Amino acid sequence: MSDKILTPPPRTLDRDAFVARFGDIYEHSPWVAELTWERGLTTAQDTPAGLADAMGNALATASAERQLEVIRAHPDLAGKAALAGDLTDDSTREQAGAGLDQCTPEELARFECLNEAYKARFDFPFVMAVKGNDRHAILAAFERRLNNSPDEERRTAVEQINRIARLRLEDRAGK
């Protein structure tokens, strides 16, 4: 699906229209779309894969502080915002698709414990592209990644966020 052309093609959009269409790809961080547009768009960015690469590069080359802003904009997995129904539409669909809305009370308690331990260690929420994973795989990744260094985990979170963005763009191309 990544070679499908996004409609309308991103390169044909002015700045405001581009940001209106793609500003929510990165959770509460429209600056990623703004910077991508400012860097220039060609036919290569008219596909989900091409646009994901360009937007991912904008985040990957940003300062650590800007990266942390984007990471911190993400909700906890199976956290209070999810339970209260306060997630973005994309996050709600993604977490439900991984079965996080069907956790047992024990699993919810485990997610809460891991969310707290993770944030205490790294000072940002655990971020994972959950599409294609179930809650058991997510819990295992949570536990494994708690052993990363802070810099390694920031880089891993950025990689996961860029994967989330690619999946979201692919979903939009399919609509």
C-alpha atoms as a PDB file:
ATOM      1  CA  MET A   1       0.000   0.000   0.000  1.00  0.00           C
ATOM      2  CA  SER A   2       2.982   2.340   0.524  1.00  0.00           C
ATOM      3  CA  ASP A   3       3.296   3.062  -3.202  1.00  0.00           C
ATOM      4  CA  LYS A   4      -0.296   4.323  -3.419  1.00  0.00           C
ATOM      5  CA  ILE A   5      -0.526   8.072  -4.032  1.00  0.00           C
ATOM      6  CA  LEU A   6      -2.023  10.094  -1.201  1.00  0.00           C
ATOM      7  CA  THR A   7      -5.025  12.168  -2.256  1.00  0.00           C
ATOM      8  CA  PRO A   8      -4.576  14.998  -2.800  1.00  0.00           C
ATOM      9  CA  PRO A   9      -0.852  14.592  -3.441  1.00  0.00           C
ATOM     10  CA  PRO A  10       1.020  16.295  -0.580  1.00  0.00           C
ATOM     11  CA  ARG A  11       3.325  18.244  -2.923  1.00  0.00           C
ATOM     12  CA  THR A  12       0.270  20.059  -4.355  1.00  0.00           C
ATOM     13  CA  LEU A  13      -0.858  21.424  -0.987  1.00  0.00           C
ATOM     14  CA  ASP A  14      -0.006  24.845   0.362  1.00  0.00           C
ATOM     15  CA  ARG A  15       1.455  25.017   3.866  1.00  0.00           C
ATOM     16  CA  ASP A  16      -1.850  25.472   5.697  1.00  0.00           C
ATOM     17  CA  ALA A  17      -3.579  22.678   3.790  1.00  0.00           C
ATOM     18  CA  PHE A  18      -0.615  20.341   4.292  1.00  0.00           C
ATOM     19  CA  VAL A  19      -0.520  20.978   8.030  1.00  0.00           C
ATOM     20  CA  ALA A  20      -4.314  20.607   8.263  1.00  0.00           C
ATOM     21  CA  ARG A  21      -4.090  17.231   6.504  1.00  0.00           C
ATOM     22  CA  PHE A  22      -0.926  15.837   8.143  1.00  0.00           C
ATOM     23  CA  GLY A  23      -0.322  17.897  11.290  1.00  0.00           C
ATOM     24  CA  ASP A  24      -1.874  15.213  13.491  1.00  0.00           C
ATOM     25  CA  ILE A  25       0.266  12.342  12.195  1.00  0.00           C
ATOM     26  CA  TYR A  26       2.712  13.025  15.040  1.00  0.00           C
ATOM     27  CA  GLU A  27       0.770  13.106  18.306  1.00  0.00           C
ATOM     28  CA  HIS A  28       0.002  16.743  19.228  1.00  0.00           C
ATOM     29  CA  SER A  29       3.105  17.852  17.256  1.00  0.00           C
ATOM     30  CA  PRO A  30       2.127  19.709  14.059  1.00  0.00           C
ATOM     31  CA  TRP A  31       5.617  21.231  13.891  1.00  0.00           C
ATOM     32  CA  VAL A  32       6.822  17.982  12.280  1.00  0.00           C
ATOM     33  CA  ALA A  33       4.450  18.537   9.347  1.00  0.00           C
ATOM     34  CA  GLU A  34       5.342  22.233   9.217  1.00  0.00           C
ATOM     35  CA  LEU A  35       9.072  21.497   9.036  1.00  0.00           C
ATOM     36  CA  THR A  36       8.521  18.771   6.436  1.00  0.00           C
ATOM     37  CA  TRP A  37       6.590  21.176   4.215  1.00  0.00           C
ATOM     38  CA  GLU A  38       9.209  23.926   4.713  1.00  0.00           C
ATOM     39  CA  ARG A  39      11.960  21.543   3.574  1.00  0.00           C
ATOM     40  CA  GLY A  40      10.116  21.062   0.298  1.00  0.00           C
ATOM     41  CA  LEU A  41       8.003  18.314  -1.195  1.00  0.00           C
ATOM     42  CA  THR A  42       8.434  16.477  -4.470  1.00  0.00           C
ATOM     43  CA  THR A  43       6.603  13.607  -6.130  1.00  0.00           C
ATOM     44  CA  ALA A  44       8.642  11.303  -3.865  1.00  0.00           C
ATOM     45  CA  GLN A  45       6.574  12.528  -0.894  1.00  0.00           C
ATOM     46  CA  ASP A  46       3.227  11.816  -2.574  1.00  0.00           C
ATOM     47  CA  THR A  47       3.217   8.217  -1.297  1.00  0.00           C
ATOM     48  CA  PRO A  48       2.797   7.152   2.328  1.00  0.00           C
ATOM     49  CA  ALA A  49       6.326   5.713   2.374  1.00  0.00           C
ATOM     50  CA  GLY A  50       7.881   8.829   0.837  1.00  0.00           C
ATOM     51  CA  LEU A  51       6.031  11.208   3.120  1.00  0.00           C
ATOM     52  CA  ALA A  52       6.783   9.007   6.140  1.00  0.00           C
ATOM     53  CA  ASP A  53      10.490   9.121   5.277  1.00  0.00           C
ATOM     54  CA  ALA A  54      10.444  12.925   4.962  1.00  0.00           C
ATOM     55  CA  MET A  55       8.463  13.454   8.163  1.00  0.00           C
ATOM     56  CA  GLY A  56      10.557  10.863   9.973  1.00  0.00           C
ATOM     57  CA  ASN A  57      13.702  12.689   8.919  1.00  0.00           C
ATOM     58  CA  ALA A  58      12.297  15.936  10.333  1.00  0.00           C
ATOM     59  CA  LEU A  59      11.889  14.259  13.721  1.00  0.00           C
ATOM     60  CA  ALA A  60      15.103  12.221  13.590  1.00  0.00           C
ATOM     61  CA  THR A  61      17.216  15.302  12.841  1.00  0.00           C
ATOM     62  CA  ALA A  62      15.504  17.495  15.435  1.00  0.00           C
ATOM     63  CA  SER A  63      17.247  18.329  18.681  1.00  0.00           C
ATOM     64  CA  ALA A  64      16.917  15.894  21.564  1.00  0.00           C
ATOM     65  CA  GLU A  65      14.694  18.453  23.302  1.00  0.00           C
ATOM     66  CA  ARG A  66      12.267  18.609  20.355  1.00  0.00           C
ATOM     67  CA  GLN A  67      12.258  14.818  20.128  1.00  0.00           C
ATOM     68  CA  LEU A  68      11.417  14.618  23.831  1.00  0.00           C
ATOM     69  CA  GLU A  69       8.488  17.010  23.282  1.00  0.00           C
ATOM     70  CA  VAL A  70       7.039  14.605  20.718  1.00  0.00           C
ATOM     71  CA  ILE A  71       7.690  11.558  22.879  1.00  0.00           C
ATOM     72  CA  ARG A  72       6.047  13.236  25.880  1.00  0.00           C
ATOM     73  CA  ALA A  73       2.986  14.089  23.775  1.00  0.00           C
ATOM     74  CA  HIS A  74       2.152  10.364  23.611  1.00  0.00           C
ATOM     75  CA  PRO A  75      -0.275   8.801  26.055  1.00  0.00           C
ATOM     76  CA  ASP A  76       0.529   5.917  28.352  1.00  0.00           C
ATOM     77  CA  LEU A  77      -0.421   2.563  26.872  1.00  0.00           C
ATOM     78  CA  ALA A  78      -3.551   1.286  28.614  1.00  0.00           C
ATOM     79  CA  GLY A  79      -3.233   4.310  30.895  1.00  0.00           C
ATOM     80  CA  LYS A  80      -5.644   6.721  32.538  1.00  0.00           C
ATOM     81  CA  ALA A  81      -6.311   8.702  29.340  1.00  0.00           C
ATOM     82  CA  ALA A  82      -7.283   5.505  27.522  1.00  0.00           C
ATOM     83  CA  LEU A  83      -9.550   4.424  30.350  1.00  0.00           C
ATOM     84  CA  ALA A  84     -11.171   7.873  30.425  1.00  0.00           C
ATOM     85  CA  GLY A  85     -11.627   7.968  26.635  1.00  0.00           C
ATOM     86  CA  ASP A  86      -9.302  10.968  26.280  1.00  0.00           C
ATOM     87  CA  LEU A  87      -7.029   9.660  23.495  1.00  0.00           C
ATOM     88  CA  THR A  88      -6.835  10.965  19.946  1.00  0.00           C
ATOM     89  CA  ASP A  89      -8.911   8.965  17.474  1.00  0.00           C
ATOM     90  CA  ASP A  90      -5.737   7.419  16.026  1.00  0.00           C
ATOM     91  CA  SER A  91      -4.422   6.375  19.449  1.00  0.00           C
ATOM     92  CA  THR A  92      -7.804   4.955  20.443  1.00  0.00           C
ATOM     93  CA  ARG A  93      -7.944   2.794  17.287  1.00  0.00           C
ATOM     94  CA  GLU A  94      -4.329   1.676  17.660  1.00  0.00           C
ATOM     95  CA  GLN A  95      -4.621   0.705  21.314  1.00  0.00           C
ATOM     96  CA  ALA A  96      -7.947  -1.065  20.732  1.00  0.00           C
ATOM     97  CA  GLY A  97      -6.454  -2.896  17.743  1.00  0.00           C
ATOM     98  CA  ALA A  98      -3.790  -4.312  20.053  1.00  0.00           C
ATOM     99  CA  GLY A  99      -6.428  -5.392  22.556  1.00  0.00           C
ATOM    100  CA  LEU A 100      -5.427  -2.862  25.190  1.00  0.00           C
ATOM    101  CA  ASP A 101      -9.094  -2.066  25.742  1.00  0.00           C
ATOM    102  CA  GLN A 102      -9.627  -5.700  26.778  1.00  0.00           C
ATOM    103  CA  CYS A 103      -7.009  -5.992  29.510  1.00  0.00           C
ATOM    104  CA  THR A 104      -7.827  -7.948  32.617  1.00  0.00           C
ATOM    105  CA  PRO A 105      -7.592  -6.058  35.925  1.00  0.00           C
ATOM    106  CA  GLU A 106      -4.246  -7.795  36.514  1.00  0.00           C
ATOM    107  CA  GLU A 107      -2.935  -6.693  33.110  1.00  0.00           C
ATOM    108  CA  LEU A 108      -4.097  -3.115  33.723  1.00  0.00           C
ATOM    109  CA  ALA A 109      -2.266  -3.148  37.053  1.00  0.00           C
ATOM    110  CA  ARG A 110       0.866  -4.445  35.282  1.00  0.00           C
ATOM    111  CA  PHE A 111       0.616  -1.692  32.645  1.00  0.00           C
ATOM    112  CA  GLU A 112       0.192   0.916  35.385  1.00  0.00           C
ATOM    113  CA  CYS A 113       3.231  -0.402  37.275  1.00  0.00           C
ATOM    114  CA  LEU A 114       5.369  -0.505  34.124  1.00  0.00           C
ATOM    115  CA  ASN A 115       4.201   2.951  32.995  1.00  0.00           C
ATOM    116  CA  GLU A 116       5.250   4.377  36.369  1.00  0.00           C
ATOM    117  CA  ALA A 117       8.614   2.559  36.411  1.00  0.00           C
ATOM    118  CA  TYR A 118       9.352   3.576  32.837  1.00  0.00           C
ATOM    119  CA  LYS A 119       8.538   7.247  33.400  1.00  0.00           C
ATOM    120  CA  ALA A 120      10.572   7.254  36.623  1.00  0.00           C
ATOM    121  CA  ARG A 121      13.573   5.888  34.702  1.00  0.00           C
ATOM    122  CA  PHE A 122      13.301   7.890  31.459  1.00  0.00           C
ATOM    123  CA  ASP A 123      11.077  10.902  32.258  1.00  0.00           C
ATOM    124  CA  PHE A 124       8.845  10.202  29.259  1.00  0.00           C
ATOM    125  CA  PRO A 125       6.128   7.672  28.429  1.00  0.00           C
ATOM    126  CA  PHE A 126       6.770   4.293  26.850  1.00  0.00           C
ATOM    127  CA  VAL A 127       6.018   4.548  23.122  1.00  0.00           C
ATOM    128  CA  MET A 128       5.540   1.564  20.869  1.00  0.00           C
ATOM    129  CA  ALA A 129       3.897   1.088  17.494  1.00  0.00           C
ATOM    130  CA  VAL A 130       1.318  -1.385  18.767  1.00  0.00           C
ATOM    131  CA  LYS A 131      -0.300  -2.287  15.443  1.00  0.00           C
ATOM    132  CA  GLY A 132       0.317  -5.973  14.790  1.00  0.00           C
ATOM    133  CA  ASN A 133       1.149  -6.662  18.449  1.00  0.00           C
ATOM    134  CA  ASP A 134      -0.988  -7.900  21.288  1.00  0.00           C
ATOM    135  CA  ARG A 135      -0.917  -6.814  24.925  1.00  0.00           C
ATOM    136  CA  HIS A 136       1.373  -9.710  25.875  1.00  0.00           C
ATOM    137  CA  ALA A 137       4.018  -8.668  23.307  1.00  0.00           C
ATOM    138  CA  ILE A 138       3.689  -5.049  24.414  1.00  0.00           C
ATOM    139  CA  LEU A 139       4.222  -5.960  28.081  1.00  0.00           C
ATOM    140  CA  ALA A 140       7.290  -8.008  27.119  1.00  0.00           C
ATOM    141  CA  ALA A 141       8.730  -5.078  25.116  1.00  0.00           C
ATOM    142  CA  PHE A 142       8.021  -2.760  28.036  1.00  0.00           C
ATOM    143  CA  GLU A 143      10.033  -4.958  30.405  1.00  0.00           C
ATOM    144  CA  ARG A 144      12.873  -5.430  27.910  1.00  0.00           C
ATOM    145  CA  ARG A 145      13.202  -1.720  27.107  1.00  0.00           C
ATOM    146  CA  LEU A 146      13.400  -0.729  30.775  1.00  0.00           C
ATOM    147  CA  ASN A 147      17.017  -1.983  30.560  1.00  0.00           C
ATOM    148  CA  ASN A 148      17.985   0.525  27.837  1.00  0.00           C
ATOM    149  CA  SER A 149      20.091   3.588  28.548  1.00  0.00           C
ATOM    150  CA  PRO A 150      18.193   6.912  28.416  1.00  0.00           C
ATOM    151  CA  ASP A 151      19.792   7.909  25.080  1.00  0.00           C
ATOM    152  CA  GLU A 152      19.150   4.487  23.581  1.00  0.00           C
ATOM    153  CA  GLU A 153      15.546   4.601  24.732  1.00  0.00           C
ATOM    154  CA  ARG A 154      14.996   8.107  23.327  1.00  0.00           C
ATOM    155  CA  ARG A 155      16.274   6.874  19.955  1.00  0.00           C
ATOM    156  CA  THR A 156      14.070   3.764  20.203  1.00  0.00           C
ATOM    157  CA  ALA A 157      11.034   5.896  21.034  1.00  0.00           C
ATOM    158  CA  VAL A 158      11.716   8.137  18.007  1.00  0.00           C
ATOM    159  CA  GLU A 159      11.993   5.035  15.782  1.00  0.00           C
ATOM    160  CA  GLN A 160       8.690   3.744  17.161  1.00  0.00           C
ATOM    161  CA  ILE A 161       7.014   7.128  16.662  1.00  0.00           C
ATOM    162  CA  ASN A 162       8.215   7.191  13.056  1.00  0.00           C
ATOM    163  CA  ARG A 163       6.786   3.687  12.602  1.00  0.00           C
ATOM    164  CA  ILE A 164       3.455   4.870  14.029  1.00  0.00           C
ATOM    165  CA  ALA A 165       3.499   7.787  11.564  1.00  0.00           C
ATOM    166  CA  ARG A 166       4.167   5.461   8.617  1.00  0.00           C
ATOM    167  CA  LEU A 167       1.275   3.204   9.647  1.00  0.00           C
ATOM    168  CA  ARG A 168      -1.040   6.184  10.033  1.00  0.00           C
ATOM    169  CA  LEU A 169      -0.096   7.490   6.584  1.00  0.00           C
ATOM    170  CA  GLU A 170      -0.660   4.050   5.065  1.00  0.00           C
ATOM    171  CA  ASP A 171      -4.090   3.940   6.718  1.00  0.00           C
ATOM    172  CA  ARG A 172      -4.955   7.336   5.248  1.00  0.00           C
ATOM    173  CA  ALA A 173      -3.920   6.223   1.780  1.00  0.00           C
ATOM    174  CA  GLY A 174      -6.295   3.281   2.093  1.00  0.00           C
ATOM    175  CA  LYS A 175      -9.280   5.533   2.805  1.00  0.00           C
END
